[in-house]
Amino acid sequence: MLKHKEYNLTTQAVFIFISKFIQILFQFLVPIILIRILSQTDYGIYQKVLFFIALAIPLFKFHFTESLYYFSLITYLLYTFSYFKVFGTDKIFKQLKLK
């Protein structure tokens, strides 16, 4: 079985610094390289697509998974039966032997 090696706080900070530096370097160099490779219209299309993706990602993250659970049948049934238990109407289900 593989063991995880635990690093001290200084080593973790160095790793994070190096990764952030590489991220900044890529963010600086990729547009320069793309400008040299793509034509002006292709780069404009790339920028538009990138803009709409950057705009859509936060909107899709906005409680998207919770909304899927909200509309699922099992969640509806769980909420319905918990409602019946709270208001004492679960006795009706016991009498009808539905529960």
Protein backbone atom coordinates (compact mmCIF):
# COMPACT_ATOMS: atom_id res chain seq x y z
CA MET A 1 0.00 0.00 0.00
CA LEU A 2 1.26 3.46 -0.87
CA LYS A 3 1.95 5.88 1.93
CA HIS A 4 1.34 9.57 1.59
CA LYS A 5 4.34 11.61 2.48
CA GLU A 6 3.36 14.55 4.63
CA TYR A 7 5.22 17.77 3.93
CA ASN A 8 5.81 20.54 6.40
CA LEU A 9 4.26 23.95 5.97
CA THR A 10 7.32 25.54 4.37
CA THR A 11 7.54 22.86 1.69
CA GLN A 12 3.83 23.19 0.94
CA ALA A 13 4.22 26.97 0.62
CA VAL A 14 7.11 26.50 -1.82
CA PHE A 15 5.03 24.08 -3.92
CA ILE A 16 2.13 26.53 -4.00
CA PHE A 17 4.47 29.40 -4.94
CA ILE A 18 5.99 27.39 -7.78
CA SER A 19 2.58 26.32 -9.08
CA LYS A 20 1.24 29.90 -8.98
CA PHE A 21 4.37 31.12 -10.78
CA ILE A 22 3.88 28.50 -13.52
CA GLN A 23 0.21 29.49 -13.78
CA ILE A 24 1.09 33.18 -14.22
CA LEU A 25 3.75 32.27 -16.77
CA PHE A 26 1.24 30.25 -18.82
CA GLN A 27 -1.36 33.00 -18.59
CA PHE A 28 1.21 35.44 -19.94
CA LEU A 29 2.68 33.26 -22.70
CA VAL A 30 -0.38 31.48 -24.13
CA PRO A 31 -2.04 34.62 -25.58
CA ILE A 32 1.27 35.70 -27.13
CA ILE A 33 1.70 32.30 -28.78
CA LEU A 34 -1.95 32.23 -29.94
CA ILE A 35 -1.63 35.69 -31.48
CA ARG A 36 1.35 34.46 -33.49
CA ILE A 37 -0.37 31.23 -34.61
CA LEU A 38 -3.97 32.33 -35.28
CA SER A 39 -5.22 34.93 -37.70
CA GLN A 40 -6.91 38.07 -36.40
CA THR A 41 -10.45 36.76 -37.03
CA ASP A 42 -9.66 33.36 -35.52
CA TYR A 43 -8.21 34.99 -32.42
CA GLY A 44 -11.33 37.17 -32.16
CA ILE A 45 -13.54 34.09 -32.31
CA TYR A 46 -11.33 32.44 -29.68
CA GLN A 47 -11.72 35.47 -27.40
CA LYS A 48 -15.50 35.52 -27.82
CA VAL A 49 -15.79 31.82 -27.01
CA LEU A 50 -13.50 32.23 -24.02
CA PHE A 51 -15.59 35.17 -22.81
CA PHE A 52 -18.87 33.24 -22.98
CA ILE A 53 -17.36 30.22 -21.27
CA ALA A 54 -15.97 32.42 -18.49
CA LEU A 55 -19.41 33.98 -18.15
CA ALA A 56 -21.30 30.68 -18.15
CA ILE A 57 -19.20 28.72 -15.64
CA PRO A 58 -20.32 30.68 -12.54
CA LEU A 59 -23.92 30.54 -13.73
CA PHE A 60 -23.81 26.77 -14.10
CA LYS A 61 -22.21 26.37 -10.71
CA PHE A 62 -24.99 28.34 -9.06
CA HIS A 63 -26.71 25.53 -7.13
CA PHE A 64 -27.06 23.39 -10.22
CA THR A 65 -26.75 20.10 -8.31
CA GLU A 66 -29.31 21.18 -5.73
CA SER A 67 -31.78 22.03 -8.47
CA LEU A 68 -31.34 18.54 -9.94
CA TYR A 69 -32.16 17.02 -6.58
CA TYR A 70 -35.13 19.35 -6.21
CA PHE A 71 -36.79 18.06 -9.34
CA SER A 72 -36.06 14.38 -8.82
CA LEU A 73 -38.91 12.06 -7.88
CA ILE A 74 -37.23 10.46 -4.89
CA THR A 75 -36.62 13.83 -3.26
CA TYR A 76 -40.22 14.79 -3.88
CA LEU A 77 -41.41 11.61 -2.21
CA LEU A 78 -39.10 12.07 0.77
CA TYR A 79 -40.31 15.62 1.28
CA THR A 80 -43.92 14.51 0.93
CA PHE A 81 -43.63 11.71 3.48
CA SER A 82 -41.70 13.89 5.93
CA TYR A 83 -44.50 16.47 5.57
CA PHE A 84 -47.04 13.80 6.44
CA LYS A 85 -45.04 12.75 9.50
CA VAL A 86 -44.75 16.29 10.77
CA PHE A 87 -48.47 16.98 10.53
CA GLY A 88 -49.58 13.58 11.79
CA THR A 89 -51.19 12.40 8.60
CA ASP A 90 -48.87 9.38 8.42
CA LYS A 91 -51.55 7.51 10.41
CA ILE A 92 -53.64 7.49 7.25
CA PHE A 93 -50.87 5.60 5.48
CA LYS A 94 -50.62 3.14 8.36
CA GLN A 95 -54.33 2.47 8.18
CA LEU A 96 -54.19 2.00 4.42
CA LYS A 97 -51.04 -0.12 4.83
CA LEU A 98 -49.23 1.98 2.24
CA LYS A 99 -46.26 2.54 4.46
